């Protein structure tokens, strides 16, 4: 679909920019969570969790994901890290 009006053209540019930014941030978020889950040692997991926690908080604040989703993921990751430290 080709935008006709000036405002529609601008909206299309903005949407493209936001889509690219969101895609990059979502990818960063998923990679951070993946690093925690894939950590070999408890030490490694704790460091990865600290980084993932920051990324999740930011994603929640910026509405990339819902705040409650961010909180739930942090909680589950924290439990997983605690379980690794127990072993």
PDB file of N, CA and C in Angstrom:
ATOM      1  N   UNK A   1       0.837  -1.177   0.000  1.00  0.00           N
ATOM      2  CA  UNK A   1       0.000   0.000   0.000  1.00  0.00           C
ATOM      3  C   UNK A   1       0.885   1.244   0.000  1.00  0.00           C
ATOM      4  N   UNK A   2       0.572   2.170  -0.860  1.00  0.00           N
ATOM      5  CA  UNK A   2       1.364   3.386  -0.986  1.00  0.00           C
ATOM      6  C   UNK A   2       0.652   4.525  -0.262  1.00  0.00           C
ATOM      7  N   UNK A   3       1.359   5.174   0.683  1.00  0.00           N
ATOM      8  CA  UNK A   3       0.717   6.290   1.381  1.00  0.00           C
ATOM      9  C   UNK A   3       0.529   7.483   0.450  1.00  0.00           C
ATOM     10  N   UNK A   4      -0.576   8.151   0.602  1.00  0.00           N
ATOM     11  CA  UNK A   4      -0.885   9.291  -0.259  1.00  0.00           C
ATOM     12  C   UNK A   4      -0.539  10.619   0.413  1.00  0.00           C
ATOM     13  N   UNK A   5      -1.009  10.788   1.638  1.00  0.00           N
ATOM     14  CA  UNK A   5      -0.836  12.075   2.302  1.00  0.00           C
ATOM     15  C   UNK A   5       0.539  12.171   2.949  1.00  0.00           C
ATOM     16  N   UNK A   6       0.906  13.405   3.234  1.00  0.00           N
ATOM     17  CA  UNK A   6       2.191  13.673   3.858  1.00  0.00           C
ATOM     18  C   UNK A   6       2.279  12.997   5.230  1.00  0.00           C
ATOM     19  N   UNK A   7       1.194  13.074   5.984  1.00  0.00           N
ATOM     20  CA  UNK A   7       1.187  12.480   7.327  1.00  0.00           C
ATOM     21  C   UNK A   7       1.277  10.960   7.261  1.00  0.00           C
ATOM     22  N   UNK A   8       0.652  10.363   6.250  1.00  0.00           N
ATOM     23  CA  UNK A   8       0.705   8.904   6.090  1.00  0.00           C
ATOM     24  C   UNK A   8       2.115   8.455   5.727  1.00  0.00           C
ATOM     25  N   UNK A   9       2.801   9.275   4.917  1.00  0.00           N
ATOM     26  CA  UNK A   9       4.186   8.955   4.541  1.00  0.00           C
ATOM     27  C   UNK A   9       5.086   8.998   5.770  1.00  0.00           C
ATOM     28  N   UNK A  10       4.878  10.030   6.586  1.00  0.00           N
ATOM     29  CA  UNK A  10       5.676  10.167   7.801  1.00  0.00           C
ATOM     30  C   UNK A  10       5.389   9.007   8.763  1.00  0.00           C
ATOM     31  N   UNK A  11       4.119   8.651   8.911  1.00  0.00           N
ATOM     32  CA  UNK A  11       3.735   7.550   9.787  1.00  0.00           C
ATOM     33  C   UNK A  11       4.386   6.246   9.333  1.00  0.00           C
ATOM     34  N   UNK A  12       4.485   6.062   8.030  1.00  0.00           N
ATOM     35  CA  UNK A  12       5.104   4.855   7.489  1.00  0.00           C
ATOM     36  C   UNK A  12       6.605   4.828   7.806  1.00  0.00           C
ATOM     37  N   UNK A  13       7.253   5.991   7.691  1.00  0.00           N
ATOM     38  CA  UNK A  13       8.677   6.076   8.042  1.00  0.00           C
ATOM     39  C   UNK A  13       8.881   5.777   9.521  1.00  0.00           C
ATOM     40  N   UNK A  14       8.028   6.346  10.341  1.00  0.00           N
ATOM     41  CA  UNK A  14       8.149   6.138  11.787  1.00  0.00           C
ATOM     42  C   UNK A  14       7.937   4.669  12.150  1.00  0.00           C
ATOM     43  N   UNK A  15       6.947   4.060  11.525  1.00  0.00           N
ATOM     44  CA  UNK A  15       6.641   2.658  11.803  1.00  0.00           C
ATOM     45  C   UNK A  15       7.836   1.772  11.437  1.00  0.00           C
ATOM     46  N   UNK A  16       8.480   2.085  10.324  1.00  0.00           N
ATOM     47  CA  UNK A  16       9.632   1.297   9.878  1.00  0.00           C
ATOM     48  C   UNK A  16      10.776   1.426  10.887  1.00  0.00           C
ATOM     49  N   UNK A  17      11.021   2.656  11.327  1.00  0.00           N
ATOM     50  CA  UNK A  17      12.089   2.903  12.302  1.00  0.00           C
ATOM     51  C   UNK A  17      11.809   2.167  13.607  1.00  0.00           C
ATOM     52  N   UNK A  18      10.585   2.268  14.075  1.00  0.00           N
ATOM     53  CA  UNK A  18      10.218   1.619  15.338  1.00  0.00           C
ATOM     54  C   UNK A  18      10.292   0.106  15.234  1.00  0.00           C
ATOM     55  N   UNK A  19       9.867  -0.416  14.087  1.00  0.00           N
ATOM     56  CA  UNK A  19       9.904  -1.863  13.886  1.00  0.00           C
ATOM     57  C   UNK A  19      11.338  -2.374  13.970  1.00  0.00           C
ATOM     58  N   UNK A  20      12.256  -1.668  13.319  1.00  0.00           N
ATOM     59  CA  UNK A  20      13.664  -2.075  13.346  1.00  0.00           C
ATOM     60  C   UNK A  20      14.225  -2.009  14.759  1.00  0.00           C
ATOM     61  N   UNK A  21      13.895  -0.925  15.469  1.00  0.00           N
ATOM     62  CA  UNK A  21      14.384  -0.755  16.843  1.00  0.00           C
ATOM     63  C   UNK A  21      13.824  -1.851  17.738  1.00  0.00           C
ATOM     64  N   UNK A  22      12.513  -2.112  17.625  1.00  0.00           N
ATOM     65  CA  UNK A  22      11.880  -3.140  18.453  1.00  0.00           C
ATOM     66  C   UNK A  22      12.458  -4.515  18.169  1.00  0.00           C
ATOM     67  N   UNK A  23      12.707  -4.793  16.906  1.00  0.00           N
ATOM     68  CA  UNK A  23      13.251  -6.103  16.532  1.00  0.00           C
ATOM     69  C   UNK A  23      14.633  -6.299  17.161  1.00  0.00           C
ATOM     70  N   UNK A  24      15.450  -5.256  17.108  1.00  0.00           N
ATOM     71  CA  UNK A  24      16.797  -5.338  17.686  1.00  0.00           C
ATOM     72  C   UNK A  24      16.728  -5.510  19.195  1.00  0.00           C
ATOM     73  N   UNK A  25      15.857  -4.761  19.846  1.00  0.00           N
ATOM     74  CA  UNK A  25      15.742  -4.840  21.312  1.00  0.00           C
ATOM     75  C   UNK A  25      15.163  -6.172  21.751  1.00  0.00           C
ATOM     76  N   UNK A  26      14.188  -6.688  20.997  1.00  0.00           N
ATOM     77  CA  UNK A  26      13.600  -7.979  21.337  1.00  0.00           C
ATOM     78  C   UNK A  26      14.642  -9.083  21.191  1.00  0.00           C
ATOM     79  N   UNK A  27      15.477  -8.974  20.163  1.00  0.00           N
ATOM     80  CA  UNK A  27      16.535  -9.948  19.940  1.00  0.00           C
ATOM     81  C   UNK A  27      17.541  -9.904  21.091  1.00  0.00           C
ATOM     82  N   UNK A  28      17.907  -8.695  21.513  1.00  0.00           N
ATOM     83  CA  UNK A  28      18.828  -8.528  22.629  1.00  0.00           C
ATOM     84  C   UNK A  28      18.247  -9.143  23.902  1.00  0.00           C
ATOM     85  N   UNK A  29      16.958  -8.933  24.097  1.00  0.00           N
ATOM     86  CA  UNK A  29      16.260  -9.469  25.259  1.00  0.00           C
ATOM     87  C   UNK A  29      16.291 -10.992  25.254  1.00  0.00           C
ATOM     88  N   UNK A  30      15.936 -11.583  24.140  1.00  0.00           N
ATOM     89  CA  UNK A  30      15.900 -13.044  24.035  1.00  0.00           C
ATOM     90  C   UNK A  30      17.288 -13.651  24.229  1.00  0.00           C
ATOM     91  N   UNK A  31      18.312 -12.988  23.667  1.00  0.00           N
ATOM     92  CA  UNK A  31      19.675 -13.490  23.816  1.00  0.00           C
ATOM     93  C   UNK A  31      20.121 -13.437  25.276  1.00  0.00           C
ATOM     94  N   UNK A  32      19.740 -12.373  25.980  1.00  0.00           N
ATOM     95  CA  UNK A  32      20.110 -12.228  27.389  1.00  0.00           C
ATOM     96  C   UNK A  32      19.491 -13.342  28.216  1.00  0.00           C
ATOM     97  N   UNK A  33      18.214 -13.643  27.959  1.00  0.00           N
ATOM     98  CA  UNK A  33      17.518 -14.703  28.695  1.00  0.00           C
ATOM     99  C   UNK A  33      18.132 -16.056  28.352  1.00  0.00           C
ATOM    100  N   UNK A  34      18.455 -16.242  27.080  1.00  0.00           N
ATOM    101  CA  UNK A  34      19.045 -17.503  26.622  1.00  0.00           C
ATOM    102  C   UNK A  34      20.394 -17.753  27.302  1.00  0.00           C
ATOM    103  N   UNK A  35      21.191 -16.689  27.488  1.00  0.00           N
ATOM    104  CA  UNK A  35      22.510 -16.836  28.117  1.00  0.00           C
ATOM    105  C   UNK A  35      22.382 -17.320  29.561  1.00  0.00           C
ATOM    106  N   UNK A  36      21.350 -16.852  30.254  1.00  0.00           N
ATOM    107  CA  UNK A  36      21.140 -17.297  31.636  1.00  0.00           C
ATOM    108  C   UNK A  36      20.807 -18.780  31.642  1.00  0.00           C
ATOM    109  N   UNK A  37      19.904 -19.184  30.775  1.00  0.00           N
ATOM    110  CA  UNK A  37      19.473 -20.589  30.730  1.00  0.00           C
ATOM    111  C   UNK A  37      20.603 -21.520  30.301  1.00  0.00           C
ATOM    112  N   UNK A  38      21.486 -21.026  29.424  1.00  0.00           N
ATOM    113  CA  UNK A  38      22.549 -21.875  28.874  1.00  0.00           C
ATOM    114  C   UNK A  38      23.832 -21.832  29.696  1.00  0.00           C
ATOM    115  N   UNK A  39      23.845 -21.045  30.771  1.00  0.00           N
ATOM    116  CA  UNK A  39      25.062 -20.902  31.575  1.00  0.00           C
ATOM    117  C   UNK A  39      25.503 -22.249  32.136  1.00  0.00           C
ATOM    118  N   UNK A  40      26.813 -22.453  32.100  1.00  0.00           N
ATOM    119  CA  UNK A  40      27.361 -23.723  32.566  1.00  0.00           C
ATOM    120  C   UNK A  40      27.519 -23.789  34.068  1.00  0.00           C
ATOM    121  N   UNK A  41      27.960 -22.675  34.666  1.00  0.00           N
ATOM    122  CA  UNK A  41      28.185 -22.656  36.107  1.00  0.00           C
ATOM    123  C   UNK A  41      27.253 -21.659  36.784  1.00  0.00           C
ATOM    124  N   UNK A  42      27.157 -21.762  38.099  1.00  0.00           N
ATOM    125  CA  UNK A  42      26.294 -20.858  38.867  1.00  0.00           C
ATOM    126  C   UNK A  42      26.820 -19.437  38.806  1.00  0.00           C
ATOM    127  N   UNK A  43      28.138 -19.306  38.807  1.00  0.00           N
ATOM    128  CA  UNK A  43      28.766 -17.979  38.720  1.00  0.00           C
ATOM    129  C   UNK A  43      28.407 -17.291  37.407  1.00  0.00           C
ATOM    130  N   UNK A  44      28.556 -18.044  36.344  1.00  0.00           N
ATOM    131  CA  UNK A  44      28.243 -17.555  34.998  1.00  0.00           C
ATOM    132  C   UNK A  44      26.759 -17.176  34.898  1.00  0.00           C
ATOM    133  N   UNK A  45      25.926 -17.999  35.482  1.00  0.00           N
ATOM    134  CA  UNK A  45      24.483 -17.762  35.459  1.00  0.00           C
ATOM    135  C   UNK A  45      24.120 -16.486  36.221  1.00  0.00           C
ATOM    136  N   UNK A  46      24.778 -16.258  37.355  1.00  0.00           N
ATOM    137  CA  UNK A  46      24.498 -15.068  38.161  1.00  0.00           C
ATOM    138  C   UNK A  46      24.864 -13.796  37.396  1.00  0.00           C
ATOM    139  N   UNK A  47      25.994 -13.825  36.704  1.00  0.00           N
ATOM    140  CA  UNK A  47      26.412 -12.656  35.913  1.00  0.00           C
ATOM    141  C   UNK A  47      25.448 -12.412  34.762  1.00  0.00           C
ATOM    142  N   UNK A  48      25.081 -13.494  34.084  1.00  0.00           N
ATOM    143  CA  UNK A  48      24.148 -13.386  32.961  1.00  0.00           C
ATOM    144  C   UNK A  48      22.781 -12.903  33.443  1.00  0.00           C
ATOM    145  N   UNK A  49      22.387 -13.339  34.645  1.00  0.00           N
ATOM    146  CA  UNK A  49      21.089 -12.932  35.194  1.00  0.00           C
ATOM    147  C   UNK A  49      21.065 -11.438  35.495  1.00  0.00           C
ATOM    148  N   UNK A  50      22.169 -10.909  36.013  1.00  0.00           N
ATOM    149  CA  UNK A  50      22.242  -9.473  36.311  1.00  0.00           C
ATOM    150  C   UNK A  50      22.045  -8.659  35.034  1.00  0.00           C
ATOM    151  N   UNK A  51      22.664  -9.112  33.952  1.00  0.00           N
ATOM    152  CA  UNK A  51      22.524  -8.418  32.662  1.00  0.00           C
ATOM    153  C   UNK A  51      21.101  -8.569  32.123  1.00  0.00           C
ATOM    154  N   UNK A  52      20.558  -9.773  32.225  1.00  0.00           N
ATOM    155  CA  UNK A  52      19.210 -10.044  31.724  1.00  0.00           C
ATOM    156  C   UNK A  52      18.176  -9.246  32.502  1.00  0.00           C
ATOM    157  N   UNK A  53      18.409  -9.085  33.800  1.00  0.00           N
ATOM    158  CA  UNK A  53      17.487  -8.341  34.646  1.00  0.00           C
ATOM    159  C   UNK A  53      17.376  -6.888  34.162  1.00  0.00           C
ATOM    160  N   UNK A  54      18.502  -6.290  33.844  1.00  0.00           N
ATOM    161  CA  UNK A  54      18.492  -4.901  33.346  1.00  0.00           C
ATOM    162  C   UNK A  54      17.736  -4.804  32.026  1.00  0.00           C
ATOM    163  N   UNK A  55      18.000  -5.738  31.144  1.00  0.00           N
ATOM    164  CA  UNK A  55      17.353  -5.724  29.826  1.00  0.00           C
ATOM    165  C   UNK A  55      15.845  -5.934  29.967  1.00  0.00           C
ATOM    166  N   UNK A  56      15.447  -6.846  30.847  1.00  0.00           N
ATOM    167  CA  UNK A  56      14.023  -7.100  31.079  1.00  0.00           C
ATOM    168  C   UNK A  56      13.326  -5.884  31.678  1.00  0.00           C
ATOM    169  N   UNK A  57      13.979  -5.242  32.636  1.00  0.00           N
ATOM    170  CA  UNK A  57      13.393  -4.041  33.243  1.00  0.00           C
ATOM    171  C   UNK A  57      13.188  -2.946  32.199  1.00  0.00           C
ATOM    172  N   UNK A  58      14.191  -2.757  31.375  1.00  0.00           N
ATOM    173  CA  UNK A  58      14.099  -1.724  30.339  1.00  0.00           C
ATOM    174  C   UNK A  58      12.991  -2.056  29.343  1.00  0.00           C
ATOM    175  N   UNK A  59      12.903  -3.319  28.950  1.00  0.00           N
ATOM    176  CA  UNK A  59      11.865  -3.742  28.008  1.00  0.00           C
ATOM    177  C   UNK A  59      10.477  -3.509  28.588  1.00  0.00           C
ATOM    178  N   UNK A  60      10.329  -3.762  29.885  1.00  0.00           N
ATOM    179  CA  UNK A  60       9.048  -3.529  30.548  1.00  0.00           C
ATOM    180  C   UNK A  60       8.707  -2.055  30.607  1.00  0.00           C
ATOM    181  N   UNK A  61       9.689  -1.226  30.933  1.00  0.00           N
ATOM    182  CA  UNK A  61       9.470   0.220  31.006  1.00  0.00           C
ATOM    183  C   UNK A  61       9.093   0.806  29.657  1.00  0.00           C
ATOM    184  N   UNK A  62       9.737   0.305  28.619  1.00  0.00           N
ATOM    185  CA  UNK A  62       9.536   0.852  27.273  1.00  0.00           C
ATOM    186  C   UNK A  62       8.370   0.210  26.528  1.00  0.00           C
ATOM    187  N   UNK A  63       7.641  -0.673  27.216  1.00  0.00           N
ATOM    188  CA  UNK A  63       6.493  -1.371  26.627  1.00  0.00           C
ATOM    189  C   UNK A  63       6.863  -2.261  25.447  1.00  0.00           C
ATOM    190  N   UNK A  64       8.089  -2.739  25.439  1.00  0.00           N
ATOM    191  CA  UNK A  64       8.472  -3.730  24.434  1.00  0.00           C
ATOM    192  C   UNK A  64       7.764  -5.037  24.775  1.00  0.00           C
ATOM    193  N   UNK A  65       7.718  -5.328  26.076  1.00  0.00           N
ATOM    194  CA  UNK A  65       6.903  -6.409  26.604  1.00  0.00           C
ATOM    195  C   UNK A  65       6.136  -5.832  27.783  1.00  0.00           C
ATOM    196  N   UNK A  66       5.104  -6.500  28.206  1.00  0.00           N
ATOM    197  CA  UNK A  66       4.307  -6.016  29.334  1.00  0.00           C
ATOM    198  C   UNK A  66       5.139  -6.093  30.613  1.00  0.00           C
ATOM    199  N   UNK A  67       4.933  -5.143  31.519  1.00  0.00           N
ATOM    200  CA  UNK A  67       5.695  -5.109  32.773  1.00  0.00           C
ATOM    201  C   UNK A  67       5.558  -6.406  33.558  1.00  0.00           C
ATOM    202  N   UNK A  68       4.352  -6.958  33.587  1.00  0.00           N
ATOM    203  CA  UNK A  68       4.143  -8.198  34.336  1.00  0.00           C
ATOM    204  C   UNK A  68       4.881  -9.365  33.695  1.00  0.00           C
ATOM    205  N   UNK A  69       4.975  -9.348  32.375  1.00  0.00           N
ATOM    206  CA  UNK A  69       5.724 -10.392  31.664  1.00  0.00           C
ATOM    207  C   UNK A  69       7.193 -10.302  32.038  1.00  0.00           C
ATOM    208  N   UNK A  70       7.720  -9.083  32.083  1.00  0.00           N
ATOM    209  CA  UNK A  70       9.119  -8.878  32.476  1.00  0.00           C
ATOM    210  C   UNK A  70       9.345  -9.384  33.897  1.00  0.00           C
ATOM    211  N   UNK A  71       8.414  -9.055  34.797  1.00  0.00           N
ATOM    212  CA  UNK A  71       8.537  -9.480  36.190  1.00  0.00           C
ATOM    213  C   UNK A  71       8.487 -11.003  36.301  1.00  0.00           C
ATOM    214  N   UNK A  72       7.585 -11.618  35.550  1.00  0.00           N
ATOM    215  CA  UNK A  72       7.451 -13.078  35.585  1.00  0.00           C
ATOM    216  C   UNK A  72       8.725 -13.748  35.076  1.00  0.00           C
ATOM    217  N   UNK A  73       9.270 -13.225  33.982  1.00  0.00           N
ATOM    218  CA  UNK A  73      10.488 -13.817  33.424  1.00  0.00           C
ATOM    219  C   UNK A  73      11.663 -13.663  34.387  1.00  0.00           C
ATOM    220  N   UNK A  74      11.760 -12.496  35.026  1.00  0.00           N
ATOM    221  CA  UNK A  74      12.829 -12.287  36.003  1.00  0.00           C
ATOM    222  C   UNK A  74      12.691 -13.266  37.162  1.00  0.00           C
ATOM    223  N   UNK A  75      11.476 -13.462  37.619  1.00  0.00           N
ATOM    224  CA  UNK A  75      11.228 -14.372  38.728  1.00  0.00           C
ATOM    225  C   UNK A  75      11.642 -15.794  38.365  1.00  0.00           C
ATOM    226  N   UNK A  76      11.268 -16.218  37.198  1.00  0.00           N
ATOM    227  CA  UNK A  76      11.586 -17.590  36.761  1.00  0.00           C
ATOM    228  C   UNK A  76      13.088 -17.775  36.572  1.00  0.00           C
ATOM    229  N   UNK A  77      13.738 -16.733  36.026  1.00  0.00           N
ATOM    230  CA  UNK A  77      15.190 -16.816  35.851  1.00  0.00           C
ATOM    231  C   UNK A  77      15.898 -16.843  37.203  1.00  0.00           C
ATOM    232  N   UNK A  78      15.397 -16.037  38.142  1.00  0.00           N
ATOM    233  CA  UNK A  78      15.999 -16.005  39.477  1.00  0.00           C
ATOM    234  C   UNK A  78      15.896 -17.375  40.141  1.00  0.00           C
ATOM    235  N   UNK A  79      14.736 -18.016  39.977  1.00  0.00           N
ATOM    236  CA  UNK A  79      14.566 -19.364  40.529  1.00  0.00           C
ATOM    237  C   UNK A  79      15.534 -20.342  39.890  1.00  0.00           C
ATOM    238  N   UNK A  80      15.711 -20.226  38.569  1.00  0.00           N
ATOM    239  CA  UNK A  80      16.617 -21.139  37.854  1.00  0.00           C
ATOM    240  C   UNK A  80      18.060 -20.936  38.321  1.00  0.00           C
ATOM    241  N   UNK A  81      18.452 -19.666  38.523  1.00  0.00           N
ATOM    242  CA  UNK A  81      19.810 -19.363  38.979  1.00  0.00           C
ATOM    243  C   UNK A  81      20.017 -19.906  40.403  1.00  0.00           C
ATOM    244  N   UNK A  82      19.008 -19.707  41.276  1.00  0.00           N
ATOM    245  CA  UNK A  82      19.096 -20.205  42.646  1.00  0.00           C
ATOM    246  C   UNK A  82      19.218 -21.729  42.673  1.00  0.00           C
ATOM    247  N   UNK A  83      18.523 -22.372  41.778  1.00  0.00           N
ATOM    248  CA  UNK A  83      18.572 -23.835  41.678  1.00  0.00           C
ATOM    249  C   UNK A  83      19.981 -24.296  41.268  1.00  0.00           C
ATOM    250  N   UNK A  84      20.600 -23.520  40.333  1.00  0.00           N
ATOM    251  CA  UNK A  84      21.964 -23.855  39.903  1.00  0.00           C
ATOM    252  C   UNK A  84      22.951 -23.671  41.054  1.00  0.00           C
ATOM    253  N   UNK A  85      22.741 -22.632  41.847  1.00  0.00           N
ATOM    254  CA  UNK A  85      23.667 -22.361  42.959  1.00  0.00           C
ATOM    255  C   UNK A  85      23.559 -23.423  44.048  1.00  0.00           C
ATOM    256  N   UNK A  86      22.366 -24.016  44.173  1.00  0.00           N
ATOM    257  CA  UNK A  86      22.137 -25.072  45.161  1.00  0.00           C
ATOM    258  C   UNK A  86      22.975 -26.328  44.846  1.00  0.00           C
ATOM    259  N   UNK A  87      23.066 -26.627  43.568  1.00  0.00           N
ATOM    260  CA  UNK A  87      23.741 -27.868  43.125  1.00  0.00           C
ATOM    261  C   UNK A  87      25.205 -27.881  43.449  1.00  0.00           C
TER     262      UNK A  87
END
